[in-house]
C-alpha atoms as a PDB file:
ATOM      1  CA  MET A   1     112.840  -0.138 134.220  1.00  0.00           C
ATOM      2  CA  ARG A   2     114.914   2.971 133.364  1.00  0.00           C
ATOM      3  CA  LYS A   3     114.646   2.620 129.619  1.00  0.00           C
ATOM      4  CA  THR A   4     110.712   2.161 129.867  1.00  0.00           C
ATOM      5  CA  ALA A   5     110.559   5.332 132.035  1.00  0.00           C
ATOM      6  CA  VAL A   6     112.681   7.136 129.406  1.00  0.00           C
ATOM      7  CA  LEU A   7     110.615   5.900 126.435  1.00  0.00           C
ATOM      8  CA  LEU A   8     107.349   7.076 128.831  1.00  0.00           C
ATOM      9  CA  LEU A   9     108.628  10.359 129.175  1.00  0.00           C
ATOM     10  CA  SER A  10     109.555  10.567 125.666  1.00  0.00           C
ATOM     11  CA  LEU A  11     106.378   9.342 124.439  1.00  0.00           C
ATOM     12  CA  ILE A  12     104.436  12.197 126.607  1.00  0.00           C
ATOM     13  CA  PHE A  13     106.998  14.802 125.512  1.00  0.00           C
ATOM     14  CA  LEU A  14     105.836  13.984 122.129  1.00  0.00           C
ATOM     15  CA  LEU A  15     102.265  13.467 122.394  1.00  0.00           C
ATOM     16  CA  SER A  16     102.211  17.248 124.267  1.00  0.00           C
ATOM     17  CA  ILE A  17     104.204  18.856 121.196  1.00  0.00           C
ATOM     18  CA  ILE A  18     101.767  17.065 118.644  1.00  0.00           C
ATOM     19  CA  ALA A  19      98.889  18.169 120.985  1.00  0.00           C
ATOM     20  CA  SER A  20     100.444  21.793 121.058  1.00  0.00           C
ATOM     21  CA  ILE A  21     100.771  21.852 117.348  1.00  0.00           C
ATOM     22  CA  SER A  22      97.220  20.502 116.512  1.00  0.00           C
ATOM     23  CA  PHE A  23      95.757  23.124 118.844  1.00  0.00           C
ATOM     24  CA  ILE A  24      97.489  25.932 117.172  1.00  0.00           C
ATOM     25  CA  ALA A  25      97.057  24.889 113.553  1.00  0.00           C
ATOM     26  CA  SER A  26      93.349  24.291 114.320  1.00  0.00           C
ATOM     27  CA  ALA A  27      93.189  27.876 116.313  1.00  0.00           C
ATOM     28  CA  TYR A  28      95.122  29.408 113.349  1.00  0.00           C
ATOM     29  CA  ALA A  29      92.902  27.732 110.624  1.00  0.00           C
ATOM     30  CA  ILE A  30      89.642  29.204 112.365  1.00  0.00           C
ATOM     31  CA  LYS A  31      90.687  32.746 112.769  1.00  0.00           C
ATOM     32  CA  PRO A  32      88.976  34.771 109.962  1.00  0.00           C
ATOM     33  CA  ASP A  33      91.819  37.088 109.075  1.00  0.00           C
ATOM     34  CA  ASN A  34      93.922  33.846 107.976  1.00  0.00           C
ATOM     35  CA  VAL A  35      91.162  32.885 105.416  1.00  0.00           C
ATOM     36  CA  PRO A  36      92.526  33.371 101.823  1.00  0.00           C
ATOM     37  CA  LEU A  37      90.395  35.259  99.508  1.00  0.00           C
ATOM     38  CA  GLN A  38      88.577  33.060  96.880  1.00  0.00           C
ATOM     39  CA  LEU A  39      87.504  34.054  93.643  1.00  0.00           C
ATOM     40  CA  GLU A  40      83.852  33.416  93.210  1.00  0.00           C
ATOM     41  CA  LYS A  41      83.080  35.326  89.970  1.00  0.00           C
ATOM     42  CA  ARG A  42      84.060  37.816  87.432  1.00  0.00           C
ATOM     43  CA  VAL A  43      81.898  39.930  85.202  1.00  0.00           C
ATOM     44  CA  PHE A  44      83.120  41.201  81.914  1.00  0.00           C
ATOM     45  CA  ILE A  45      80.837  43.856  80.347  1.00  0.00           C
ATOM     46  CA  HIS A  46      81.404  44.364  76.594  1.00  0.00           C
ATOM     47  CA  TYR A  47      80.694  47.545  75.032  1.00  0.00           C
ATOM     48  CA  ARG A  48      79.751  48.561  71.377  1.00  0.00           C
ATOM     49  CA  LYS A  49      83.042  50.275  69.934  1.00  0.00           C
ATOM     50  CA  GLY A  50      81.737  51.607  66.867  1.00  0.00           C
ATOM     51  CA  TYR A  51      81.179  50.260  63.342  1.00  0.00           C
ATOM     52  CA  GLY A  52      84.094  49.216  60.729  1.00  0.00           C
ATOM     53  CA  LYS A  53      86.370  46.649  59.669  1.00  0.00           C
ATOM     54  CA  PRO A  54      89.206  45.359  61.487  1.00  0.00           C
ATOM     55  CA  ASP A  55      92.581  47.236  60.934  1.00  0.00           C
ATOM     56  CA  TRP A  56      94.115  44.123  59.271  1.00  0.00           C
ATOM     57  CA  THR A  57      91.536  44.172  55.900  1.00  0.00           C
ATOM     58  CA  THR A  58      92.794  45.540  52.932  1.00  0.00           C
ATOM     59  CA  ASP A  59      95.151  48.614  53.382  1.00  0.00           C
ATOM     60  CA  LYS A  60      94.418  48.813  57.096  1.00  0.00           C
ATOM     61  CA  GLY A  61      97.282  47.462  58.774  1.00  0.00           C
ATOM     62  CA  PRO A  62      99.013  44.190  59.685  1.00  0.00           C
ATOM     63  CA  SER A  63      97.301  40.891  59.119  1.00  0.00           C
ATOM     64  CA  PRO A  64      96.344  38.821  62.521  1.00  0.00           C
ATOM     65  CA  LYS A  65      99.223  37.061  61.868  1.00  0.00           C
ATOM     66  CA  GLU A  66     101.752  39.716  62.099  1.00  0.00           C
ATOM     67  CA  GLU A  67      99.971  41.588  64.850  1.00  0.00           C
ATOM     68  CA  ASP A  68     101.092  41.331  68.532  1.00  0.00           C
ATOM     69  CA  HIS A  69      98.504  39.657  70.282  1.00  0.00           C
ATOM     70  CA  SER A  70      99.745  39.771  73.706  1.00  0.00           C
ATOM     71  CA  GLY A  71      97.316  42.493  75.038  1.00  0.00           C
ATOM     72  CA  HIS A  72      94.187  40.616  73.844  1.00  0.00           C
ATOM     73  CA  TYR A  73      93.926  38.160  76.952  1.00  0.00           C
ATOM     74  CA  GLU A  74      94.478  38.169  80.446  1.00  0.00           C
ATOM     75  CA  LEU A  75      95.118  35.196  82.961  1.00  0.00           C
ATOM     76  CA  LEU A  76      92.459  35.115  85.621  1.00  0.00           C
ATOM     77  CA  GLY A  77      94.794  33.296  88.065  1.00  0.00           C
ATOM     78  CA  LYS A  78      97.791  31.594  88.310  1.00  0.00           C
ATOM     79  CA  GLY A  79      97.080  27.713  87.723  1.00  0.00           C
ATOM     80  CA  VAL A  80      93.604  28.243  86.231  1.00  0.00           C
ATOM     81  CA  LYS A  81      93.101  25.788  83.642  1.00  0.00           C
ATOM     82  CA  TRP A  82      90.374  23.940  81.858  1.00  0.00           C
ATOM     83  CA  LYS A  83      89.291  20.625  83.415  1.00  0.00           C
ATOM     84  CA  THR A  84      87.011  19.458  80.759  1.00  0.00           C
ATOM     85  CA  THR A  85      86.268  20.442  77.117  1.00  0.00           C
ATOM     86  CA  ALA A  86      83.412  23.332  77.158  1.00  0.00           C
ATOM     87  CA  ILE A  87      80.077  22.789  75.763  1.00  0.00           C
ATOM     88  CA  ILE A  88      78.176  25.428  74.499  1.00  0.00           C
ATOM     89  CA  TYR A  89      74.404  25.828  74.959  1.00  0.00           C
ATOM     90  CA  VAL A  90      72.720  28.442  72.953  1.00  0.00           C
ATOM     91  CA  ASP A  91      69.158  29.815  73.751  1.00  0.00           C
ATOM     92  CA  ASP A  92      67.839  31.971  70.870  1.00  0.00           C
ATOM     93  CA  ALA A  93      64.389  32.227  72.131  1.00  0.00           C
ATOM     94  CA  ASP A  94      64.926  36.148  73.032  1.00  0.00           C
ATOM     95  CA  ASN A  95      66.593  36.590  69.435  1.00  0.00           C
ATOM     96  CA  VAL A  96      64.459  39.758  68.520  1.00  0.00           C
ATOM     97  CA  GLN A  97      66.647  40.222  65.583  1.00  0.00           C
ATOM     98  CA  TYR A  98      65.302  37.106  63.835  1.00  0.00           C
ATOM     99  CA  LEU A  99      68.479  35.760  62.846  1.00  0.00           C
ATOM    100  CA  ASP A 100      68.633  32.690  61.356  1.00  0.00           C
ATOM    101  CA  ARG A 101      69.207  29.671  63.561  1.00  0.00           C
ATOM    102  CA  ASN A 102      71.523  27.946  61.397  1.00  0.00           C
ATOM    103  CA  PHE A 103      73.267  31.415  61.009  1.00  0.00           C
ATOM    104  CA  ILE A 104      73.968  31.443  64.648  1.00  0.00           C
ATOM    105  CA  PHE A 105      75.189  28.124  65.145  1.00  0.00           C
ATOM    106  CA  LYS A 106      77.466  28.493  62.404  1.00  0.00           C
ATOM    107  CA  ALA A 107      78.747  31.662  63.682  1.00  0.00           C
ATOM    108  CA  ILE A 108      79.335  30.332  67.137  1.00  0.00           C
ATOM    109  CA  LYS A 109      81.044  27.047  65.654  1.00  0.00           C
ATOM    110  CA  ILE A 110      83.621  28.808  63.505  1.00  0.00           C
ATOM    111  CA  SER A 111      84.386  31.316  66.233  1.00  0.00           C
ATOM    112  CA  ALA A 112      84.979  28.421  68.795  1.00  0.00           C
ATOM    113  CA  GLU A 113      86.820  26.164  66.183  1.00  0.00           C
ATOM    114  CA  GLU A 114      89.022  29.041  65.459  1.00  0.00           C
ATOM    115  CA  TRP A 115      90.170  28.983  69.011  1.00  0.00           C
ATOM    116  CA  ASP A 116      90.468  25.183  68.683  1.00  0.00           C
ATOM    117  CA  ASP A 117      92.552  24.906  65.433  1.00  0.00           C
ATOM    118  CA  GLY A 118      93.029  28.185  63.942  1.00  0.00           C
ATOM    119  CA  ALA A 119      91.663  26.766  60.420  1.00  0.00           C
ATOM    120  CA  TYR A 120      89.725  29.940  59.409  1.00  0.00           C
ATOM    121  CA  SER A 121      92.684  32.487  59.724  1.00  0.00           C
ATOM    122  CA  GLY A 122      95.482  30.248  59.815  1.00  0.00           C
ATOM    123  CA  TRP A 123      97.110  30.965  63.033  1.00  0.00           C
ATOM    124  CA  GLY A 124      97.427  27.550  64.113  1.00  0.00           C
ATOM    125  CA  GLY A 125      95.076  27.330  67.105  1.00  0.00           C
ATOM    126  CA  ILE A 126      95.903  26.138  70.510  1.00  0.00           C
ATOM    127  CA  ASP A 127      97.092  22.680  71.856  1.00  0.00           C
ATOM    128  CA  PHE A 128      93.841  21.731  73.574  1.00  0.00           C
ATOM    129  CA  ASP A 129      90.593  21.583  72.266  1.00  0.00           C
ATOM    130  CA  LEU A 130      88.419  23.898  74.508  1.00  0.00           C
ATOM    131  CA  PHE A 131      85.097  23.180  72.817  1.00  0.00           C
ATOM    132  CA  GLY A 132      83.409  19.753  72.820  1.00  0.00           C
ATOM    133  CA  GLY A 133      79.992  20.367  71.420  1.00  0.00           C
ATOM    134  CA  TYR A 134      76.998  22.614  70.861  1.00  0.00           C
ATOM    135  CA  TYR A 135      73.636  22.225  71.822  1.00  0.00           C
ATOM    136  CA  ASN A 136      70.198  24.166  71.143  1.00  0.00           C
ATOM    137  CA  ILE A 137      68.396  24.759  74.601  1.00  0.00           C
ATOM    138  CA  THR A 138      65.282  26.511  75.666  1.00  0.00           C
ATOM    139  CA  ASN A 139      65.629  26.866  79.622  1.00  0.00           C
ATOM    140  CA  ALA A 140      68.792  28.957  79.777  1.00  0.00           C
ATOM    141  CA  SER A 141      68.681  31.979  82.144  1.00  0.00           C
ATOM    142  CA  PHE A 142      71.151  34.907  82.620  1.00  0.00           C
ATOM    143  CA  ASP A 143      73.050  33.801  85.975  1.00  0.00           C
ATOM    144  CA  THR A 144      74.908  36.471  87.883  1.00  0.00           C
ATOM    145  CA  ASP A 145      74.267  35.279  91.430  1.00  0.00           C
ATOM    146  CA  SER A 146      74.632  31.382  91.290  1.00  0.00           C
ATOM    147  CA  PRO A 147      76.194  30.242  87.848  1.00  0.00           C
ATOM    148  CA  ASP A 148      74.893  26.581  86.871  1.00  0.00           C
ATOM    149  CA  GLY A 149      78.350  25.447  85.192  1.00  0.00           C
ATOM    150  CA  ARG A 150      77.051  25.855  81.746  1.00  0.00           C
ATOM    151  CA  ASN A 151      78.481  27.991  78.867  1.00  0.00           C
ATOM    152  CA  GLU A 152      75.538  29.478  77.873  1.00  0.00           C
ATOM    153  CA  ILE A 153      74.666  32.173  74.780  1.00  0.00           C
ATOM    154  CA  LEU A 154      71.618  34.053  75.367  1.00  0.00           C
ATOM    155  CA  PHE A 155      70.070  36.970  73.201  1.00  0.00           C
ATOM    156  CA  GLY A 156      68.201  39.519  75.289  1.00  0.00           C
ATOM    157  CA  ASP A 157      67.989  43.062  76.376  1.00  0.00           C
ATOM    158  CA  TYR A 158      70.824  44.350  78.894  1.00  0.00           C
ATOM    159  CA  PRO A 159      69.553  47.392  80.942  1.00  0.00           C
ATOM    160  CA  GLN A 160      72.749  49.512  80.030  1.00  0.00           C
ATOM    161  CA  GLU A 161      72.932  51.583  76.817  1.00  0.00           C
ATOM    162  CA  GLY A 162      75.780  50.182  74.320  1.00  0.00           C
ATOM    163  CA  VAL A 163      76.696  46.567  75.846  1.00  0.00           C
ATOM    164  CA  ILE A 164      76.796  43.853  73.165  1.00  0.00           C
ATOM    165  CA  ALA A 165      77.916  41.005  75.715  1.00  0.00           C
ATOM    166  CA  VAL A 166      78.085  40.078  79.226  1.00  0.00           C
ATOM    167  CA  THR A 167      80.543  37.321  80.410  1.00  0.00           C
ATOM    168  CA  VAL A 168      80.469  36.015  83.726  1.00  0.00           C
ATOM    169  CA  VAL A 169      83.415  33.681  84.875  1.00  0.00           C
END
C-alpha cells in the first residue's frame, strides 16, 4: 500500500511538472517578442558602372586565376544551401534590343556553366552543379511581392536610371 501511495504521488508530481513545463513553453512560444526573424527576400539592384574591358585583359592587371575573389560574393545566411539544381527560365518577349534568341541562350548557358565547371576561364568551377537546364518561356513576370520559385531572366525597363539588373532572392 505504501509503495502504491509513493508511486501515485510520484506520478502526480511528475505530471504536474510536465504540465507546468508545457504551459510555460507554449506561453513563451506565443509571445511575439520571442519569435525569431525570418528572411523572406532580399533585393539586389545592379547599376551600370561604365564601359570598358575588365582589368585582367591585356596589360590591365592580374588574370582571374591570380586575382583575390574573396570580396566577390557574400553568404546570405548560415546554413543556406541549394536544395536542388536551378532551372533557368528565359522570357525574351520584351527584348527591345532585338538580340538574337540563340545569342541570349548561349550567353546565359556559358555564364551558368562557368559557375558549374569553370571551363571557359579554367578556374575549375564548383563541386556541385548549380544549373540543371534552360527553358524559353513567355509567361514570366517580375516577382517582388510573392516570388514564384522560378529562376527567371526577363527583359524590360526598370523605372530607375542606370539599373542593368535586379535580383530577388
